[in-house]
Amino acid sequence: MAQTKEVIKVSDNKFDFGQFYFSYAKYHYNDTNKWLHIIFIPTIVFTLLGMLHYARVFTHLTIVPLQVDFGFLLLSVLLPLYLFVDLVTGLVSSVFFLFQLFLSNYLYANRFALFGSEDTHFRILVYLHIAAWIA
């Protein structure tokens, strides 16, 4: 006799955040998966911020010590959403991701002195980004 697995739903609405979070949490519950996310999601965000500096769309907009670019715009949209979903997690995430943005800006501004060339800096970011996604 075949057993059927009961599907637990919070809501039938596809766009319900509670249902999304429930489904997401169901697959991200084990300790290994949690640690992989704790380590590699920030790595993905950091390398993405670094790679987005190279888009150079907003070259004349600078808010000391930040350059306004796609990474800046991405965080200016995501961080308020994090704060809306959960205030404490949003505050911690905001501080952490803003630190990453400052560090990313510093490394980009000093890429020639630190890495010898623009190409080396960008390749390191791409390799780390790919490795983080694989992990």
Protein backbone atom coordinates (compact mmCIF):
# COMPACT_ATOMS: atom_id res chain seq x y z
CA MET A 1 0.00 0.00 0.00
CA ALA A 2 1.53 3.31 -1.08
CA GLN A 3 1.84 6.05 1.48
CA THR A 4 0.94 9.56 0.50
CA LYS A 5 2.78 12.48 1.92
CA GLU A 6 0.54 15.20 3.30
CA VAL A 7 1.44 18.66 2.05
CA ILE A 8 1.24 21.23 4.80
CA LYS A 9 0.27 24.70 3.67
CA VAL A 10 0.03 27.97 5.49
CA SER A 11 -1.97 29.51 2.67
CA ASP A 12 -3.23 28.68 -0.82
CA ASN A 13 -2.13 32.10 -2.06
CA LYS A 14 1.06 31.77 -4.16
CA PHE A 15 2.13 35.27 -3.16
CA ASP A 16 1.66 34.87 0.60
CA PHE A 17 4.95 35.64 2.38
CA GLY A 18 4.09 33.24 5.22
CA GLN A 19 3.72 30.36 2.75
CA PHE A 20 6.96 31.31 1.03
CA TYR A 21 8.85 31.44 4.34
CA PHE A 22 7.33 28.15 5.50
CA SER A 23 8.39 26.41 2.28
CA TYR A 24 11.84 28.00 2.40
CA ALA A 25 12.41 27.05 6.04
CA LYS A 26 11.32 23.47 5.40
CA TYR A 27 14.26 22.94 3.04
CA HIS A 28 16.81 24.98 5.00
CA TYR A 29 16.39 23.43 8.42
CA ASN A 30 19.37 21.10 8.84
CA ASP A 31 22.60 22.33 10.46
CA THR A 32 24.81 21.78 7.40
CA ASN A 33 22.51 23.83 5.21
CA LYS A 34 22.33 26.58 7.85
CA TRP A 35 26.13 26.84 8.06
CA LEU A 36 26.51 26.84 4.29
CA HIS A 37 24.05 29.75 4.14
CA ILE A 38 25.73 31.63 7.02
CA ILE A 39 29.09 31.44 5.25
CA PHE A 40 28.28 31.60 1.56
CA ILE A 41 25.27 33.94 1.28
CA PRO A 42 27.40 36.84 2.61
CA THR A 43 30.18 35.74 0.23
CA ILE A 44 27.75 35.86 -2.70
CA VAL A 45 26.52 39.31 -1.66
CA PHE A 46 30.07 40.63 -1.15
CA THR A 47 31.33 39.39 -4.50
CA LEU A 48 28.18 40.64 -6.24
CA LEU A 49 28.70 44.10 -4.72
CA GLY A 50 32.30 44.02 -5.89
CA MET A 51 31.41 42.97 -9.43
CA LEU A 52 28.67 45.59 -9.67
CA HIS A 53 31.28 48.34 -9.21
CA TYR A 54 32.47 47.52 -12.70
CA ALA A 55 29.12 48.46 -14.28
CA ARG A 56 30.15 52.13 -13.93
CA VAL A 57 26.75 53.57 -14.72
CA PHE A 58 26.74 56.26 -12.04
CA THR A 59 30.36 57.40 -12.31
CA HIS A 60 29.73 60.96 -11.12
CA LEU A 61 27.58 60.15 -8.10
CA THR A 62 29.61 59.71 -4.94
CA ILE A 63 28.48 59.86 -1.34
CA VAL A 64 31.72 59.87 0.64
CA PRO A 65 33.02 57.18 1.02
CA LEU A 66 30.47 55.35 -1.14
CA GLN A 67 30.12 55.38 -4.88
CA VAL A 68 26.50 55.19 -6.00
CA ASP A 69 26.34 52.16 -8.26
CA PHE A 70 24.15 49.12 -8.79
CA GLY A 71 25.39 47.52 -5.55
CA PHE A 72 24.45 50.61 -3.58
CA LEU A 73 21.03 50.67 -5.25
CA LEU A 74 20.54 46.94 -4.60
CA LEU A 75 21.20 47.36 -0.89
CA SER A 76 19.04 50.49 -0.72
CA VAL A 77 16.12 48.31 -1.85
CA LEU A 78 16.94 45.08 0.01
CA LEU A 79 17.82 46.46 3.44
CA PRO A 80 14.47 48.22 4.03
CA LEU A 81 12.76 44.97 2.99
CA TYR A 82 14.85 43.04 5.54
CA LEU A 83 13.88 45.60 8.20
CA PHE A 84 10.22 45.25 7.26
CA VAL A 85 10.27 41.44 7.47
CA ASP A 86 12.07 41.27 10.82
CA LEU A 87 13.46 44.30 12.65
CA VAL A 88 16.25 42.57 14.62
CA THR A 89 17.45 40.42 11.73
CA GLY A 90 17.10 43.42 9.43
CA LEU A 91 19.26 45.60 11.69
CA VAL A 92 21.97 42.96 11.99
CA SER A 93 21.86 42.31 8.24
CA SER A 94 21.94 46.02 7.47
CA VAL A 95 25.04 46.61 9.58
CA PHE A 96 26.77 43.57 8.11
CA PHE A 97 25.89 44.30 4.47
CA LEU A 98 26.75 48.00 4.80
CA PHE A 99 30.16 46.96 6.17
CA GLN A 100 30.52 44.74 3.11
CA LEU A 101 29.61 47.67 0.86
CA PHE A 102 32.24 49.91 2.51
CA LEU A 103 34.87 47.15 2.25
CA SER A 104 33.92 46.44 -1.34
CA ASN A 105 34.23 50.15 -2.19
CA TYR A 106 37.64 50.28 -0.53
CA LEU A 107 38.93 47.24 -2.43
CA TYR A 108 37.58 48.61 -5.71
CA ALA A 109 39.12 52.05 -5.15
CA ASN A 110 42.50 50.47 -4.31
CA ARG A 111 42.38 47.54 -6.75
CA PHE A 112 45.55 48.56 -8.59
CA ALA A 113 47.60 48.93 -5.41
CA LEU A 114 46.22 45.78 -3.77
CA PHE A 115 45.86 43.42 -6.73
CA GLY A 116 48.14 44.88 -9.38
CA SER A 117 45.39 45.26 -11.94
CA GLU A 118 41.68 45.66 -12.45
CA ASP A 119 41.56 42.28 -14.16
CA THR A 120 43.00 40.40 -11.16
CA HIS A 121 40.51 42.00 -8.75
CA PHE A 122 37.55 41.16 -10.98
CA ARG A 123 38.72 37.56 -11.60
CA ILE A 124 39.07 36.93 -7.85
CA LEU A 125 35.51 38.19 -7.33
CA VAL A 126 34.17 35.97 -10.12
CA TYR A 127 35.99 32.86 -8.82
CA LEU A 128 34.76 33.46 -5.26
CA HIS A 129 31.22 34.11 -6.50
CA ILE A 130 31.12 30.87 -8.48
CA ALA A 131 32.65 28.86 -5.61
CA ALA A 132 30.07 30.28 -3.17
CA TRP A 133 27.19 29.33 -5.47
CA ILE A 134 28.58 25.83 -5.89
CA ALA A 135 28.87 25.44 -2.11
